[in-house]
Amino acid sequence: VSISLCFSLLILLLSPQEISPVSGQITVIQEDAQVTVKQGHPFHTTCKYKTSITALHWYQLRKGQAPQLISVQSVTGPRHSGRITTHLNTTGKYSVLKVEEVQVSDSALYLCAVVASVLLPWLLLQQPRCHGHT
């Protein structure tokens, strides 16, 4: 059984693309658009950012449901929760989301969010790049 997982970006910004406050531009990059994983196998995706942040969030969005917060990190290192591990690297400015032993119930849109200390908490959701999710 193959499972389709989609990825998008949830970005805390003041404008639709980037912002150039005093401390510089804020850019968040999540390269994977859609990944197909065999049931029982692991998968991972990476979220990169190019500014100083106060926290990085990962959300899981299942069709027809509200986003579920699955991880919040503000310091470098791993965070484990069941089969899900997130690892924030503040030096390299990226976070990796890993899911062990993928199950059908893991089929979802996974969202990466950054919170930058120089910004007001306005929210922008980038449109998903994969089909079948809205």
Protein backbone atom coordinates (compact mmCIF):
# COMPACT_ATOMS: atom_id res chain seq x y z
CA VAL A 1 0.00 0.00 0.00
CA SER A 2 1.40 3.39 -0.98
CA ILE A 3 0.47 6.50 0.94
CA SER A 4 0.49 9.98 -0.56
CA LEU A 5 1.74 12.75 1.71
CA CYS A 6 1.62 16.41 0.74
CA PHE A 7 3.65 19.33 1.97
CA SER A 8 3.16 23.05 1.94
CA LEU A 9 4.28 26.09 3.86
CA LEU A 10 2.56 27.89 6.67
CA ILE A 11 4.43 31.16 6.96
CA LEU A 12 4.08 33.92 9.51
CA LEU A 13 4.70 37.01 7.39
CA LEU A 14 3.43 40.49 6.68
CA SER A 15 3.33 40.11 2.90
CA PRO A 16 2.49 37.32 0.42
CA GLN A 17 6.11 36.44 -0.39
CA GLU A 18 8.91 37.99 1.65
CA ILE A 19 9.44 40.89 3.99
CA SER A 20 12.51 43.04 4.50
CA PRO A 21 12.41 44.30 8.09
CA VAL A 22 15.45 45.79 9.77
CA SER A 23 16.96 42.35 10.39
CA GLY A 24 16.63 41.24 6.72
CA GLN A 25 14.39 39.17 4.52
CA ILE A 26 12.31 36.27 5.77
CA THR A 27 12.12 33.29 3.46
CA VAL A 28 10.85 29.79 4.22
CA ILE A 29 11.44 26.92 1.79
CA GLN A 30 9.85 23.49 1.92
CA GLU A 31 11.06 21.60 -1.15
CA ASP A 32 8.90 18.47 -1.13
CA ALA A 33 5.53 18.95 -2.80
CA GLN A 34 4.18 15.40 -2.73
CA VAL A 35 5.74 12.19 -1.49
CA THR A 36 4.47 8.64 -1.85
CA VAL A 37 5.60 6.28 0.90
CA LYS A 38 4.96 2.56 1.34
CA GLN A 39 3.03 1.64 4.46
CA GLY A 40 5.40 0.76 7.30
CA HIS A 41 8.30 2.72 5.80
CA PRO A 42 9.69 5.99 7.20
CA PHE A 43 9.60 9.38 5.48
CA HIS A 44 11.05 12.80 6.12
CA THR A 45 10.76 16.32 4.79
CA THR A 46 12.83 19.43 5.43
CA CYS A 47 11.82 23.04 6.06
CA LYS A 48 14.51 25.71 5.55
CA TYR A 49 14.42 29.34 6.62
CA LYS A 50 16.71 32.32 6.12
CA THR A 51 16.29 34.54 9.16
CA SER A 52 16.41 34.44 12.94
CA ILE A 53 13.32 32.84 14.41
CA THR A 54 11.85 32.44 17.86
CA ALA A 55 10.10 29.14 17.08
CA LEU A 56 9.32 26.66 14.33
CA HIS A 57 6.00 24.80 14.20
CA TRP A 58 4.90 21.70 12.27
CA TYR A 59 1.20 21.12 11.58
CA GLN A 60 -0.69 18.14 10.18
CA LEU A 61 -3.78 18.95 8.13
CA ARG A 62 -6.15 16.11 7.27
CA LYS A 63 -8.83 16.77 4.69
CA GLY A 64 -11.92 18.32 6.25
CA GLN A 65 -10.23 18.94 9.61
CA ALA A 66 -8.53 21.86 11.31
CA PRO A 67 -4.72 21.89 11.35
CA GLN A 68 -3.27 19.92 14.25
CA LEU A 69 -0.09 21.23 15.87
CA ILE A 70 2.35 18.31 16.04
CA SER A 71 5.57 20.05 17.08
CA VAL A 72 6.87 23.37 18.42
CA GLN A 73 10.59 23.97 18.80
CA SER A 74 12.64 27.01 19.76
CA VAL A 75 16.03 25.41 20.47
CA THR A 76 18.32 23.15 18.45
CA GLY A 77 17.85 19.42 18.84
CA PRO A 78 15.33 16.63 18.41
CA ARG A 79 11.78 16.45 19.73
CA HIS A 80 10.05 13.07 19.86
CA SER A 81 6.32 12.36 20.00
CA GLY A 82 5.35 8.78 19.27
CA ARG A 83 6.37 7.92 15.70
CA ILE A 84 7.05 11.58 14.88
CA THR A 85 10.42 13.23 15.40
CA THR A 86 11.31 16.80 14.53
CA HIS A 87 14.85 18.11 14.60
CA LEU A 88 15.55 21.84 14.59
CA ASN A 89 18.99 23.07 13.55
CA THR A 90 19.19 26.79 14.31
CA THR A 91 22.76 27.04 13.00
CA GLY A 92 21.92 25.51 9.62
CA LYS A 93 18.46 27.16 9.72
CA TYR A 94 16.35 24.11 8.93
CA SER A 95 14.01 21.60 10.53
CA VAL A 96 13.42 17.98 9.58
CA LEU A 97 10.10 16.21 10.17
CA LYS A 98 10.37 12.41 10.30
CA VAL A 99 7.56 9.87 10.61
CA GLU A 100 8.49 6.27 11.39
CA GLU A 101 6.42 3.33 10.14
CA VAL A 102 4.01 5.41 8.05
CA GLN A 103 0.35 4.40 8.33
CA VAL A 104 -2.65 5.22 6.15
CA SER A 105 -3.82 7.61 8.88
CA ASP A 106 -0.66 9.69 8.27
CA SER A 107 -1.99 10.79 4.86
CA ALA A 108 -2.21 14.55 5.26
CA LEU A 109 -0.85 17.94 4.32
CA TYR A 110 2.14 18.79 6.51
CA LEU A 111 2.75 22.47 7.17
CA CYS A 112 5.89 24.21 8.36
CA ALA A 113 5.58 27.55 10.18
CA VAL A 114 8.16 29.97 11.49
CA VAL A 115 7.67 32.67 14.10
CA ALA A 116 10.03 35.62 13.70
CA SER A 117 10.52 37.95 16.63
CA VAL A 118 10.50 41.06 14.43
CA LEU A 119 7.03 40.43 13.03
CA LEU A 120 3.49 40.89 14.14
CA PRO A 121 1.65 37.56 14.20
CA TRP A 122 -0.08 37.90 10.83
CA LEU A 123 -0.66 34.70 8.98
CA LEU A 124 -0.21 33.60 5.38
CA LEU A 125 -0.92 30.11 4.13
CA GLN A 126 0.82 29.27 0.86
CA GLN A 127 -1.40 27.25 -1.45
CA PRO A 128 -0.53 23.53 -1.51
CA ARG A 129 1.35 22.35 -4.57
CA CYS A 130 -0.12 18.84 -4.59
CA HIS A 131 -3.41 17.63 -6.02
CA GLY A 132 -6.29 16.20 -4.01
CA HIS A 133 -5.94 18.56 -1.04
CA THR A 134 -7.48 21.99 -0.68
